[in-house]
Amino acid sequence: MILRSVKFITSAVKNTDYPKDSLPHIVFAGRSNVGKSSFINSLLNVKNIAKVSQTPGKTRLINFFLINEKFYFVDIPGYGYANVNKNELMKFADMIDEYLQNPNISLGVLLLDIRREPNEDDLLMFDYFKTMGFSILIVLTKADKLSNNQKAKQTKIIKNALKFETNENIITYSTKTKENHDLVWDYLEKAVEVNYE
C-alpha cells in the first residue's frame, strides 16, 4: 500500500456535515479503550492525525480522513465509556445510527481487544454492522500483549462469541510491532476496490 496523501477533511455530527462526494468509506468502530485512534495512526504511518487520548471516549464527533484522494477513513465515537450521561449517550447513538446508513460505506472495521471476550456493546455493534449489510473486518488489537498460543486461544473465543460465519474475517494487530499491517491494508484495498497502479 503506497500512501500518497492523508488529509483530515472534517468532523461531523449530522449527515449535512459529511463530505458531499460519493467516494467509498471505511468506518472504524470499537469500545472507547480499544486503541482505535492509535490503530488508525499506525495504519497511516502518521502521528496523531487521529487524536490519541488517555481519557477513553474522547472522540465525540465523526471524523473523516481522505486517503490518496480515493476513499475515506471514518472514525466514529467509541462506545461503552463511563462518565457520560444518558442524554449524551442518546445523542451519540443517534449520530452513529444516522452515519451507518450512509450508502458510501464499503467496509466496517470493528476493533476488539484480543485480551477480552466481546461484551454486550461489542456484540451489539457487530450485529449492527451485519444488519447494515456492508462487509466486516474484525481487528484484534494489542496482539503484542499475548504469546502466539494465547493469541490463538483468544481468537477462537472471540470467534465463538461473535458466532462467526465463513465469509467474515478476523486479523490480529499490534501498533507496537505492526503485526499484520500489510495484511490489514490488503483487505482494506480490496474493500474499496482501489487500483494503485
C-alpha atoms as a PDB file:
ATOM      1  CA  MET A   1       0.000   0.000   0.000  1.00  0.00           C
ATOM      2  CA  ILE A   2       1.514   3.312  -1.099  1.00  0.00           C
ATOM      3  CA  LEU A   3       0.223   6.257   0.918  1.00  0.00           C
ATOM      4  CA  ARG A   4       0.408   9.291  -1.323  1.00  0.00           C
ATOM      5  CA  SER A   5      -1.747  11.618   0.735  1.00  0.00           C
ATOM      6  CA  VAL A   6      -3.643  11.648   4.027  1.00  0.00           C
ATOM      7  CA  LYS A   7      -5.881  14.620   4.815  1.00  0.00           C
ATOM      8  CA  PHE A   8      -8.198  15.360   7.690  1.00  0.00           C
ATOM      9  CA  ILE A   9     -11.362  16.643   6.000  1.00  0.00           C
ATOM     10  CA  THR A  10     -13.996  17.364   8.621  1.00  0.00           C
ATOM     11  CA  SER A  11     -15.675  16.437  11.880  1.00  0.00           C
ATOM     12  CA  ALA A  12     -19.394  15.807  11.618  1.00  0.00           C
ATOM     13  CA  VAL A  13     -22.447  15.454  13.850  1.00  0.00           C
ATOM     14  CA  LYS A  14     -25.105  15.043  11.141  1.00  0.00           C
ATOM     15  CA  ASN A  15     -25.369  13.989   7.511  1.00  0.00           C
ATOM     16  CA  THR A  16     -25.301  17.554   6.182  1.00  0.00           C
ATOM     17  CA  ASP A  17     -21.741  17.759   7.556  1.00  0.00           C
ATOM     18  CA  TYR A  18     -20.480  14.677   5.660  1.00  0.00           C
ATOM     19  CA  PRO A  19     -18.274  15.014   2.558  1.00  0.00           C
ATOM     20  CA  LYS A  20     -20.506  15.577  -0.462  1.00  0.00           C
ATOM     21  CA  ASP A  21     -18.720  13.224  -2.885  1.00  0.00           C
ATOM     22  CA  SER A  22     -19.507   9.528  -3.398  1.00  0.00           C
ATOM     23  CA  LEU A  23     -16.070   8.086  -2.600  1.00  0.00           C
ATOM     24  CA  PRO A  24     -16.113   4.855  -0.573  1.00  0.00           C
ATOM     25  CA  HIS A  25     -15.916   4.943   3.227  1.00  0.00           C
ATOM     26  CA  ILE A  26     -14.152   2.571   5.614  1.00  0.00           C
ATOM     27  CA  VAL A  27     -15.658   3.046   9.068  1.00  0.00           C
ATOM     28  CA  PHE A  28     -13.768   2.207  12.276  1.00  0.00           C
ATOM     29  CA  ALA A  29     -15.645   1.299  15.451  1.00  0.00           C
ATOM     30  CA  GLY A  30     -14.714  -0.087  18.841  1.00  0.00           C
ATOM     31  CA  ARG A  31     -15.110   0.375  22.549  1.00  0.00           C
ATOM     32  CA  SER A  32     -13.521   3.543  23.858  1.00  0.00           C
ATOM     33  CA  ASN A  33     -10.343   1.963  25.283  1.00  0.00           C
ATOM     34  CA  VAL A  34      -9.599  -0.438  22.431  1.00  0.00           C
ATOM     35  CA  GLY A  35      -6.897   1.737  20.834  1.00  0.00           C
ATOM     36  CA  LYS A  36      -8.834   2.873  17.764  1.00  0.00           C
ATOM     37  CA  SER A  37      -7.017   6.185  17.264  1.00  0.00           C
ATOM     38  CA  SER A  38      -3.632   4.508  17.739  1.00  0.00           C
ATOM     39  CA  PHE A  39      -4.639   1.841  15.199  1.00  0.00           C
ATOM     40  CA  ILE A  40      -5.627   4.439  12.581  1.00  0.00           C
ATOM     41  CA  ASN A  41      -2.396   6.390  13.146  1.00  0.00           C
ATOM     42  CA  SER A  42      -0.418   3.148  12.845  1.00  0.00           C
ATOM     43  CA  LEU A  43      -2.071   2.213   9.555  1.00  0.00           C
ATOM     44  CA  LEU A  44      -1.439   5.659   8.123  1.00  0.00           C
ATOM     45  CA  ASN A  45       2.126   5.944   9.497  1.00  0.00           C
ATOM     46  CA  VAL A  46       1.187   9.375  10.814  1.00  0.00           C
ATOM     47  CA  LYS A  47       1.474  10.641  14.383  1.00  0.00           C
ATOM     48  CA  ASN A  48      -1.761  11.879  15.908  1.00  0.00           C
ATOM     49  CA  ILE A  49      -3.861  12.526  12.805  1.00  0.00           C
ATOM     50  CA  ALA A  50      -6.431  10.617  14.821  1.00  0.00           C
ATOM     51  CA  LYS A  51      -6.208  12.132  18.293  1.00  0.00           C
ATOM     52  CA  VAL A  52      -4.967   9.697  20.935  1.00  0.00           C
ATOM     53  CA  SER A  53      -6.138  10.431  24.457  1.00  0.00           C
ATOM     54  CA  GLN A  54      -5.511   8.970  27.876  1.00  0.00           C
ATOM     55  CA  THR A  55      -9.210   9.569  28.534  1.00  0.00           C
ATOM     56  CA  PRO A  56     -11.446   6.879  26.978  1.00  0.00           C
ATOM     57  CA  GLY A  57     -14.316   8.214  24.891  1.00  0.00           C
ATOM     58  CA  LYS A  58     -12.545  11.422  23.871  1.00  0.00           C
ATOM     59  CA  THR A  59     -13.740  11.163  20.268  1.00  0.00           C
ATOM     60  CA  ARG A  60     -17.193  12.757  20.326  1.00  0.00           C
ATOM     61  CA  LEU A  61     -17.558  13.511  16.610  1.00  0.00           C
ATOM     62  CA  ILE A  62     -17.448  11.532  13.371  1.00  0.00           C
ATOM     63  CA  ASN A  63     -14.059  12.293  11.813  1.00  0.00           C
ATOM     64  CA  PHE A  64     -13.343  11.951   8.091  1.00  0.00           C
ATOM     65  CA  PHE A  65      -9.839  11.411   6.661  1.00  0.00           C
ATOM     66  CA  LEU A  66      -9.298  11.348   2.888  1.00  0.00           C
ATOM     67  CA  ILE A  67      -6.761   8.737   1.800  1.00  0.00           C
ATOM     68  CA  ASN A  68      -4.930   9.125  -1.541  1.00  0.00           C
ATOM     69  CA  GLU A  69      -7.863  11.255  -2.767  1.00  0.00           C
ATOM     70  CA  LYS A  70      -9.617   7.901  -3.342  1.00  0.00           C
ATOM     71  CA  PHE A  71     -11.504   6.871  -0.182  1.00  0.00           C
ATOM     72  CA  TYR A  72     -12.209   7.867   3.401  1.00  0.00           C
ATOM     73  CA  PHE A  73     -11.276   6.510   6.794  1.00  0.00           C
ATOM     74  CA  VAL A  74     -14.163   7.379   9.096  1.00  0.00           C
ATOM     75  CA  ASP A  75     -13.576   7.328  12.856  1.00  0.00           C
ATOM     76  CA  ILE A  76     -16.803   7.146  14.850  1.00  0.00           C
ATOM     77  CA  PRO A  77     -17.028   7.733  18.640  1.00  0.00           C
ATOM     78  CA  GLY A  78     -16.002   4.839  20.841  1.00  0.00           C
ATOM     79  CA  TYR A  79     -18.742   3.134  22.804  1.00  0.00           C
ATOM     80  CA  GLY A  80     -19.005   1.780  26.333  1.00  0.00           C
ATOM     81  CA  TYR A  81     -17.287   4.684  28.046  1.00  0.00           C
ATOM     82  CA  ALA A  82     -18.142   5.797  31.556  1.00  0.00           C
ATOM     83  CA  ASN A  83     -18.769   9.346  32.816  1.00  0.00           C
ATOM     84  CA  VAL A  84     -21.255  10.164  30.056  1.00  0.00           C
ATOM     85  CA  ASN A  85     -24.842  10.954  30.956  1.00  0.00           C
ATOM     86  CA  LYS A  86     -27.866   9.349  29.297  1.00  0.00           C
ATOM     87  CA  ASN A  87     -28.684  12.365  27.149  1.00  0.00           C
ATOM     88  CA  GLU A  88     -25.176  12.399  25.698  1.00  0.00           C
ATOM     89  CA  LEU A  89     -25.295   8.655  25.096  1.00  0.00           C
ATOM     90  CA  MET A  90     -28.563   9.057  23.183  1.00  0.00           C
ATOM     91  CA  LYS A  91     -27.035  11.831  21.065  1.00  0.00           C
ATOM     92  CA  PHE A  92     -24.023   9.648  20.236  1.00  0.00           C
ATOM     93  CA  ALA A  93     -26.285   6.703  19.406  1.00  0.00           C
ATOM     94  CA  ASP A  94     -28.433   8.819  17.071  1.00  0.00           C
ATOM     95  CA  MET A  95     -25.353  10.351  15.405  1.00  0.00           C
ATOM     96  CA  ILE A  96     -23.761   6.937  14.786  1.00  0.00           C
ATOM     97  CA  ASP A  97     -27.060   5.396  13.675  1.00  0.00           C
ATOM     98  CA  GLU A  98     -27.528   8.135  11.083  1.00  0.00           C
ATOM     99  CA  TYR A  99     -23.984   7.762   9.769  1.00  0.00           C
ATOM    100  CA  LEU A 100     -24.075   3.963   9.487  1.00  0.00           C
ATOM    101  CA  GLN A 101     -26.934   4.250   6.998  1.00  0.00           C
ATOM    102  CA  ASN A 102     -24.595   6.093   4.622  1.00  0.00           C
ATOM    103  CA  PRO A 103     -24.627   4.296   1.238  1.00  0.00           C
ATOM    104  CA  ASN A 104     -20.928   5.045   0.664  1.00  0.00           C
ATOM    105  CA  ILE A 105     -19.746   2.671   3.416  1.00  0.00           C
ATOM    106  CA  SER A 106     -17.798  -0.181   1.821  1.00  0.00           C
ATOM    107  CA  LEU A 107     -16.361  -1.769   4.955  1.00  0.00           C
ATOM    108  CA  GLY A 108     -16.930  -1.744   8.691  1.00  0.00           C
ATOM    109  CA  VAL A 109     -13.804  -2.383  10.776  1.00  0.00           C
ATOM    110  CA  LEU A 110     -14.664  -3.473  14.308  1.00  0.00           C
ATOM    111  CA  LEU A 111     -11.768  -3.293  16.753  1.00  0.00           C
ATOM    112  CA  LEU A 112     -11.724  -5.643  19.739  1.00  0.00           C
ATOM    113  CA  ASP A 113      -9.109  -6.026  22.470  1.00  0.00           C
ATOM    114  CA  ILE A 114      -7.690  -9.520  21.931  1.00  0.00           C
ATOM    115  CA  ARG A 115      -7.315  -9.973  25.696  1.00  0.00           C
ATOM    116  CA  ARG A 116     -11.031  -9.602  26.390  1.00  0.00           C
ATOM    117  CA  GLU A 117     -14.125 -11.521  25.392  1.00  0.00           C
ATOM    118  CA  PRO A 118     -16.595  -9.321  23.472  1.00  0.00           C
ATOM    119  CA  ASN A 119     -19.064  -7.619  25.805  1.00  0.00           C
ATOM    120  CA  GLU A 120     -22.678  -6.679  25.134  1.00  0.00           C
ATOM    121  CA  ASP A 121     -21.711  -3.398  23.457  1.00  0.00           C
ATOM    122  CA  ASP A 122     -19.264  -5.194  21.134  1.00  0.00           C
ATOM    123  CA  LEU A 123     -21.896  -7.756  20.166  1.00  0.00           C
ATOM    124  CA  LEU A 124     -24.472  -5.022  19.523  1.00  0.00           C
ATOM    125  CA  MET A 125     -22.082  -3.133  17.230  1.00  0.00           C
ATOM    126  CA  PHE A 126     -21.164  -6.319  15.376  1.00  0.00           C
ATOM    127  CA  ASP A 127     -24.853  -7.160  14.887  1.00  0.00           C
ATOM    128  CA  TYR A 128     -25.497  -3.584  13.753  1.00  0.00           C
ATOM    129  CA  PHE A 129     -22.739  -3.872  11.136  1.00  0.00           C
ATOM    130  CA  LYS A 130     -24.246  -7.145   9.909  1.00  0.00           C
ATOM    131  CA  THR A 131     -27.714  -5.594   9.733  1.00  0.00           C
ATOM    132  CA  MET A 132     -26.425  -2.700   7.596  1.00  0.00           C
ATOM    133  CA  GLY A 133     -25.133  -5.213   5.040  1.00  0.00           C
ATOM    134  CA  PHE A 134     -21.631  -3.924   4.349  1.00  0.00           C
ATOM    135  CA  SER A 135     -18.502  -6.064   4.591  1.00  0.00           C
ATOM    136  CA  ILE A 136     -16.949  -6.505   8.034  1.00  0.00           C
ATOM    137  CA  LEU A 137     -13.350  -6.880   9.186  1.00  0.00           C
ATOM    138  CA  ILE A 138     -12.600  -7.730  12.825  1.00  0.00           C
ATOM    139  CA  VAL A 139      -9.241  -6.432  14.062  1.00  0.00           C
ATOM    140  CA  LEU A 140      -7.969  -7.785  17.381  1.00  0.00           C
ATOM    141  CA  THR A 141      -5.788  -5.055  18.866  1.00  0.00           C
ATOM    142  CA  LYS A 142      -2.940  -5.232  21.403  1.00  0.00           C
ATOM    143  CA  ALA A 143      -1.756  -8.570  19.998  1.00  0.00           C
ATOM    144  CA  ASP A 144       1.783  -7.920  21.257  1.00  0.00           C
ATOM    145  CA  LYS A 145       0.490  -8.429  24.825  1.00  0.00           C
ATOM    146  CA  LEU A 146      -0.037 -12.174  24.248  1.00  0.00           C
ATOM    147  CA  SER A 147       2.034 -15.170  23.196  1.00  0.00           C
ATOM    148  CA  ASN A 148       1.200 -16.960  19.945  1.00  0.00           C
ATOM    149  CA  ASN A 149      -0.594 -19.721  21.861  1.00  0.00           C
ATOM    150  CA  GLN A 150      -2.612 -17.170  23.836  1.00  0.00           C
ATOM    151  CA  LYS A 151      -3.482 -15.290  20.645  1.00  0.00           C
ATOM    152  CA  ALA A 152      -4.798 -18.459  19.008  1.00  0.00           C
ATOM    153  CA  LYS A 153      -6.852 -19.292  22.093  1.00  0.00           C
ATOM    154  CA  GLN A 154      -8.319 -15.786  22.416  1.00  0.00           C
ATOM    155  CA  THR A 155      -9.073 -15.554  18.697  1.00  0.00           C
ATOM    156  CA  LYS A 156     -11.098 -18.758  18.941  1.00  0.00           C
ATOM    157  CA  ILE A 157     -13.001 -17.467  21.992  1.00  0.00           C
ATOM    158  CA  ILE A 158     -13.831 -14.211  20.191  1.00  0.00           C
ATOM    159  CA  LYS A 159     -14.904 -16.014  17.008  1.00  0.00           C
ATOM    160  CA  ASN A 160     -17.248 -18.194  19.051  1.00  0.00           C
ATOM    161  CA  ALA A 161     -18.686 -15.204  20.906  1.00  0.00           C
ATOM    162  CA  LEU A 162     -19.415 -13.438  17.606  1.00  0.00           C
ATOM    163  CA  LYS A 163     -20.812 -16.633  16.015  1.00  0.00           C
ATOM    164  CA  PHE A 164     -18.570 -16.085  13.010  1.00  0.00           C
ATOM    165  CA  GLU A 165     -19.679 -17.080   9.527  1.00  0.00           C
ATOM    166  CA  THR A 166     -17.249 -18.335   6.889  1.00  0.00           C
ATOM    167  CA  ASN A 167     -17.204 -15.081   4.885  1.00  0.00           C
ATOM    168  CA  GLU A 168     -16.180 -12.922   7.828  1.00  0.00           C
ATOM    169  CA  ASN A 169     -12.592 -12.052   8.596  1.00  0.00           C
ATOM    170  CA  ILE A 170     -10.541 -11.604  11.717  1.00  0.00           C
ATOM    171  CA  ILE A 171      -6.956 -10.275  11.923  1.00  0.00           C
ATOM    172  CA  THR A 172      -4.688  -9.751  14.921  1.00  0.00           C
ATOM    173  CA  TYR A 173      -2.822  -6.441  15.088  1.00  0.00           C
ATOM    174  CA  SER A 174      -0.250  -4.605  17.174  1.00  0.00           C
ATOM    175  CA  THR A 175       0.515  -0.909  16.863  1.00  0.00           C
ATOM    176  CA  LYS A 176       3.793  -1.629  18.654  1.00  0.00           C
ATOM    177  CA  THR A 177       5.144  -4.337  16.316  1.00  0.00           C
ATOM    178  CA  LYS A 178       2.989  -3.552  13.229  1.00  0.00           C
ATOM    179  CA  GLU A 179       1.919  -7.219  13.216  1.00  0.00           C
ATOM    180  CA  ASN A 180      -0.269  -7.862  10.130  1.00  0.00           C
ATOM    181  CA  HIS A 181      -0.029  -4.239   8.959  1.00  0.00           C
ATOM    182  CA  ASP A 182       0.219  -5.264   5.282  1.00  0.00           C
ATOM    183  CA  LEU A 183      -2.486  -7.907   5.661  1.00  0.00           C
ATOM    184  CA  VAL A 184      -4.934  -5.323   7.010  1.00  0.00           C
ATOM    185  CA  TRP A 185      -4.129  -2.960   4.149  1.00  0.00           C
ATOM    186  CA  ASP A 186      -4.630  -5.737   1.583  1.00  0.00           C
ATOM    187  CA  TYR A 187      -8.122  -6.241   2.974  1.00  0.00           C
ATOM    188  CA  LEU A 188      -8.919  -2.513   3.045  1.00  0.00           C
ATOM    189  CA  GLU A 189      -7.779  -2.008  -0.531  1.00  0.00           C
ATOM    190  CA  LYS A 190      -9.926  -4.882  -1.785  1.00  0.00           C
ATOM    191  CA  ALA A 191     -12.914  -3.462   0.073  1.00  0.00           C
ATOM    192  CA  VAL A 192     -12.736  -0.124  -1.686  1.00  0.00           C
ATOM    193  CA  GLU A 193     -11.504  -1.586  -4.986  1.00  0.00           C
ATOM    194  CA  VAL A 194      -8.759   0.965  -5.343  1.00  0.00           C
ATOM    195  CA  ASN A 195      -6.213   0.495  -8.113  1.00  0.00           C
ATOM    196  CA  TYR A 196      -2.840   1.984  -7.231  1.00  0.00           C
ATOM    197  CA  GLU A 197      -1.072   1.015 -10.421  1.00  0.00           C
END
